């Protein structure tokens, strides 16, 4: 599928499965300003709540950032924008099931390494380096022992 066609498909799927609507409601409820991004994503700028601690996160096809849309759209952050856009693609495929699946993946990653992202399937598929995560961390010793026993 061509990139343009995928962007349109992703936008339609995240609208149809309700995740973009959830992202827009969250943005509106927290009084962030919504702007158009690239390739069918929307950017909600000015997130002020302390959670999550990341500079941005995605809900459906809405990328929510603490910073401005211009900050996220700057060329030096093209990799971060691509990372968050890949999450929008994950929402297109999983719809609302993304949330529990993502949190299970976060839990596993944290238990295994102490990082929510390093062993998280969704973060790995979105590009750890692009998202600002370390690319690898050792397993915690007790997890290593469990895997060695098998």
C-alpha atoms as a PDB file:
ATOM      1  CA  UNK A   1       0.000   0.000   0.000  1.00  0.00           C
ATOM      2  CA  UNK A   2       1.361   3.423  -0.889  1.00  0.00           C
ATOM      3  CA  UNK A   3       2.176   5.763   2.013  1.00  0.00           C
ATOM      4  CA  UNK A   4      -0.569   8.191   0.951  1.00  0.00           C
ATOM      5  CA  UNK A   5      -3.142   5.429   0.758  1.00  0.00           C
ATOM      6  CA  UNK A   6      -2.066   4.111   4.184  1.00  0.00           C
ATOM      7  CA  UNK A   7      -2.440   7.578   5.758  1.00  0.00           C
ATOM      8  CA  UNK A   8      -5.988   7.855   4.420  1.00  0.00           C
ATOM      9  CA  UNK A   9      -6.837   4.293   5.491  1.00  0.00           C
ATOM     10  CA  UNK A  10      -5.369   4.885   8.962  1.00  0.00           C
ATOM     11  CA  UNK A  11      -7.346   8.102   9.344  1.00  0.00           C
ATOM     12  CA  UNK A  12     -10.603   6.414   8.313  1.00  0.00           C
ATOM     13  CA  UNK A  13     -10.019   3.389  10.572  1.00  0.00           C
ATOM     14  CA  UNK A  14      -9.138   5.433  13.669  1.00  0.00           C
ATOM     15  CA  UNK A  15     -12.200   7.604  13.062  1.00  0.00           C
ATOM     16  CA  UNK A  16     -14.444   4.562  12.574  1.00  0.00           C
ATOM     17  CA  UNK A  17     -13.149   2.674  15.621  1.00  0.00           C
ATOM     18  CA  UNK A  18     -13.626   5.707  17.872  1.00  0.00           C
ATOM     19  CA  UNK A  19     -10.044   6.152  18.995  1.00  0.00           C
ATOM     20  CA  UNK A  20      -9.576   9.476  17.213  1.00  0.00           C
ATOM     21  CA  UNK A  21     -12.836  10.641  18.790  1.00  0.00           C
ATOM     22  CA  UNK A  22     -11.440   9.648  22.190  1.00  0.00           C
ATOM     23  CA  UNK A  23      -8.245  11.586  21.438  1.00  0.00           C
ATOM     24  CA  UNK A  24     -10.238  14.656  20.430  1.00  0.00           C
ATOM     25  CA  UNK A  25     -12.410  14.443  23.556  1.00  0.00           C
ATOM     26  CA  UNK A  26      -9.305  14.157  25.719  1.00  0.00           C
ATOM     27  CA  UNK A  27      -7.772  17.157  23.955  1.00  0.00           C
ATOM     28  CA  UNK A  28     -10.935  19.206  24.351  1.00  0.00           C
ATOM     29  CA  UNK A  29     -11.410  18.227  28.003  1.00  0.00           C
ATOM     30  CA  UNK A  30      -7.859  19.324  28.824  1.00  0.00           C
ATOM     31  CA  UNK A  31      -8.101  22.527  26.769  1.00  0.00           C
ATOM     32  CA  UNK A  32      -5.304  21.716  24.392  1.00  0.00           C
ATOM     33  CA  UNK A  33      -5.341  23.437  21.023  1.00  0.00           C
ATOM     34  CA  UNK A  34      -5.908  21.105  18.065  1.00  0.00           C
ATOM     35  CA  UNK A  35      -3.949  21.639  14.863  1.00  0.00           C
ATOM     36  CA  UNK A  36      -3.504  19.705  11.644  1.00  0.00           C
ATOM     37  CA  UNK A  37      -0.294  17.741  11.422  1.00  0.00           C
ATOM     38  CA  UNK A  38       1.111  15.823   8.489  1.00  0.00           C
ATOM     39  CA  UNK A  39      -0.168  12.669   6.854  1.00  0.00           C
ATOM     40  CA  UNK A  40      -3.607  12.738   8.438  1.00  0.00           C
ATOM     41  CA  UNK A  41      -2.645  13.161  12.088  1.00  0.00           C
ATOM     42  CA  UNK A  42      -3.904  15.919  14.330  1.00  0.00           C
ATOM     43  CA  UNK A  43      -1.720  17.545  16.953  1.00  0.00           C
ATOM     44  CA  UNK A  44      -3.125  18.673  20.293  1.00  0.00           C
ATOM     45  CA  UNK A  45      -0.619  21.119  21.755  1.00  0.00           C
ATOM     46  CA  UNK A  46      -0.174  22.381  25.289  1.00  0.00           C
ATOM     47  CA  UNK A  47      -0.901  19.247  27.386  1.00  0.00           C
ATOM     48  CA  UNK A  48      -0.439  20.305  31.014  1.00  0.00           C
ATOM     49  CA  UNK A  49      -1.242  17.231  33.095  1.00  0.00           C
ATOM     50  CA  UNK A  50       1.724  15.473  34.734  1.00  0.00           C
ATOM     51  CA  UNK A  51       0.860  12.060  33.274  1.00  0.00           C
ATOM     52  CA  UNK A  52       2.207  10.619  31.121  1.00  0.00           C
ATOM     53  CA  UNK A  53       5.680  12.096  31.647  1.00  0.00           C
ATOM     54  CA  UNK A  54       6.592  11.856  27.934  1.00  0.00           C
ATOM     55  CA  UNK A  55       6.737  14.962  25.741  1.00  0.00           C
ATOM     56  CA  UNK A  56       3.962  13.503  23.588  1.00  0.00           C
ATOM     57  CA  UNK A  57       1.659  10.506  23.242  1.00  0.00           C
ATOM     58  CA  UNK A  58      -0.936   9.342  20.753  1.00  0.00           C
ATOM     59  CA  UNK A  59      -4.646   8.510  21.019  1.00  0.00           C
ATOM     60  CA  UNK A  60      -6.120   7.388  17.708  1.00  0.00           C
ATOM     61  CA  UNK A  61      -4.830   9.800  15.068  1.00  0.00           C
ATOM     62  CA  UNK A  62      -4.324  12.577  17.632  1.00  0.00           C
ATOM     63  CA  UNK A  63      -0.801  13.238  18.854  1.00  0.00           C
ATOM     64  CA  UNK A  64      -0.957  15.079  22.166  1.00  0.00           C
ATOM     65  CA  UNK A  65       2.111  17.090  23.127  1.00  0.00           C
ATOM     66  CA  UNK A  66       3.219  19.301  25.987  1.00  0.00           C
ATOM     67  CA  UNK A  67       4.928  21.514  23.427  1.00  0.00           C
ATOM     68  CA  UNK A  68       3.623  23.358  20.378  1.00  0.00           C
ATOM     69  CA  UNK A  69       2.641  21.796  17.073  1.00  0.00           C
ATOM     70  CA  UNK A  70       5.522  23.713  15.490  1.00  0.00           C
ATOM     71  CA  UNK A  71       7.935  22.044  17.916  1.00  0.00           C
ATOM     72  CA  UNK A  72       6.709  18.580  16.934  1.00  0.00           C
ATOM     73  CA  UNK A  73       6.584  19.404  13.219  1.00  0.00           C
ATOM     74  CA  UNK A  74      10.159  20.768  13.154  1.00  0.00           C
ATOM     75  CA  UNK A  75      12.485  18.806  10.887  1.00  0.00           C
ATOM     76  CA  UNK A  76      14.765  17.819  13.784  1.00  0.00           C
ATOM     77  CA  UNK A  77      11.832  15.954  15.353  1.00  0.00           C
ATOM     78  CA  UNK A  78      10.766  14.116  12.181  1.00  0.00           C
ATOM     79  CA  UNK A  79      11.717  10.778  13.784  1.00  0.00           C
ATOM     80  CA  UNK A  80       9.557  11.475  16.861  1.00  0.00           C
ATOM     81  CA  UNK A  81       6.605  12.470  14.665  1.00  0.00           C
ATOM     82  CA  UNK A  82       7.092   9.269  12.647  1.00  0.00           C
ATOM     83  CA  UNK A  83       7.184   7.240  15.886  1.00  0.00           C
ATOM     84  CA  UNK A  84       3.910   8.737  17.108  1.00  0.00           C
ATOM     85  CA  UNK A  85       2.345   8.305  13.655  1.00  0.00           C
ATOM     86  CA  UNK A  86       3.230   4.595  13.810  1.00  0.00           C
ATOM     87  CA  UNK A  87       1.239   4.431  17.049  1.00  0.00           C
ATOM     88  CA  UNK A  88      -1.711   5.910  15.132  1.00  0.00           C
ATOM     89  CA  UNK A  89      -1.338   2.973  12.746  1.00  0.00           C
ATOM     90  CA  UNK A  90      -1.455   0.589  15.701  1.00  0.00           C
ATOM     91  CA  UNK A  91      -4.710   2.219  16.809  1.00  0.00           C
ATOM     92  CA  UNK A  92      -6.059   1.770  13.270  1.00  0.00           C
ATOM     93  CA  UNK A  93      -5.473  -1.978  13.504  1.00  0.00           C
ATOM     94  CA  UNK A  94      -6.462  -2.616  17.134  1.00  0.00           C
ATOM     95  CA  UNK A  95      -8.956   0.146  17.850  1.00  0.00           C
ATOM     96  CA  UNK A  96      -9.830   0.422  21.542  1.00  0.00           C
ATOM     97  CA  UNK A  97      -8.104  -2.922  22.174  1.00  0.00           C
ATOM     98  CA  UNK A  98      -4.867  -0.983  21.798  1.00  0.00           C
ATOM     99  CA  UNK A  99      -5.229   0.416  25.325  1.00  0.00           C
ATOM    100  CA  UNK A 100      -5.227  -2.844  27.320  1.00  0.00           C
ATOM    101  CA  UNK A 101      -2.710  -4.445  24.959  1.00  0.00           C
ATOM    102  CA  UNK A 102      -0.377  -1.456  25.291  1.00  0.00           C
ATOM    103  CA  UNK A 103      -0.604  -1.407  29.085  1.00  0.00           C
ATOM    104  CA  UNK A 104       0.081  -5.145  29.313  1.00  0.00           C
ATOM    105  CA  UNK A 105       3.125  -4.570  27.088  1.00  0.00           C
ATOM    106  CA  UNK A 106       4.212  -1.657  29.339  1.00  0.00           C
ATOM    107  CA  UNK A 107       3.820  -3.849  32.396  1.00  0.00           C
ATOM    108  CA  UNK A 108       5.876  -6.666  30.905  1.00  0.00           C
ATOM    109  CA  UNK A 109       8.600  -4.255  29.810  1.00  0.00           C
ATOM    110  CA  UNK A 110       8.767  -2.624  33.234  1.00  0.00           C
ATOM    111  CA  UNK A 111       8.827  -5.929  35.097  1.00  0.00           C
ATOM    112  CA  UNK A 112      11.501  -7.297  32.773  1.00  0.00           C
ATOM    113  CA  UNK A 113      13.795  -4.249  32.521  1.00  0.00           C
ATOM    114  CA  UNK A 114      12.593  -1.321  34.650  1.00  0.00           C
ATOM    115  CA  UNK A 115      11.663   0.611  31.480  1.00  0.00           C
ATOM    116  CA  UNK A 116       8.118   0.911  30.144  1.00  0.00           C
ATOM    117  CA  UNK A 117       9.346   0.976  26.543  1.00  0.00           C
ATOM    118  CA  UNK A 118      12.373  -1.243  25.917  1.00  0.00           C
ATOM    119  CA  UNK A 119      10.552  -4.594  25.869  1.00  0.00           C
ATOM    120  CA  UNK A 120       7.157  -3.132  24.936  1.00  0.00           C
ATOM    121  CA  UNK A 121       6.060  -4.684  21.640  1.00  0.00           C
ATOM    122  CA  UNK A 122       4.235  -1.521  20.514  1.00  0.00           C
ATOM    123  CA  UNK A 123       7.123   0.821  21.307  1.00  0.00           C
ATOM    124  CA  UNK A 124       9.564  -1.506  19.574  1.00  0.00           C
ATOM    125  CA  UNK A 125       7.347  -1.605  16.457  1.00  0.00           C
ATOM    126  CA  UNK A 126       7.043   2.200  16.516  1.00  0.00           C
ATOM    127  CA  UNK A 127      10.843   2.535  16.734  1.00  0.00           C
ATOM    128  CA  UNK A 128      12.530   2.774  20.116  1.00  0.00           C
ATOM    129  CA  UNK A 129      15.220   5.220  18.998  1.00  0.00           C
ATOM    130  CA  UNK A 130      12.673   7.413  17.197  1.00  0.00           C
ATOM    131  CA  UNK A 131      10.589   7.575  20.376  1.00  0.00           C
ATOM    132  CA  UNK A 132      13.568   8.463  22.560  1.00  0.00           C
ATOM    133  CA  UNK A 133      13.773   5.088  24.308  1.00  0.00           C
ATOM    134  CA  UNK A 134      16.985   3.175  24.934  1.00  0.00           C
ATOM    135  CA  UNK A 135      17.254   0.408  22.355  1.00  0.00           C
ATOM    136  CA  UNK A 136      18.096  -2.318  24.817  1.00  0.00           C
ATOM    137  CA  UNK A 137      18.428  -2.881  28.526  1.00  0.00           C
ATOM    138  CA  UNK A 138      19.376  -6.104  30.253  1.00  0.00           C
ATOM    139  CA  UNK A 139      16.670  -8.235  31.762  1.00  0.00           C
ATOM    140  CA  UNK A 140      16.362  -8.019  35.520  1.00  0.00           C
ATOM    141  CA  UNK A 141      18.339 -10.867  37.128  1.00  0.00           C
ATOM    142  CA  UNK A 142      15.283 -12.735  38.388  1.00  0.00           C
ATOM    143  CA  UNK A 143      13.651 -12.585  34.916  1.00  0.00           C
ATOM    144  CA  UNK A 144      16.882 -13.871  33.379  1.00  0.00           C
ATOM    145  CA  UNK A 145      16.851 -16.808  35.843  1.00  0.00           C
ATOM    146  CA  UNK A 146      13.237 -17.660  34.946  1.00  0.00           C
ATOM    147  CA  UNK A 147      14.086 -17.754  31.243  1.00  0.00           C
ATOM    148  CA  UNK A 148      17.262 -19.771  31.820  1.00  0.00           C
ATOM    149  CA  UNK A 149      15.253 -22.468  33.636  1.00  0.00           C
ATOM    150  CA  UNK A 150      13.118 -23.001  30.558  1.00  0.00           C
END
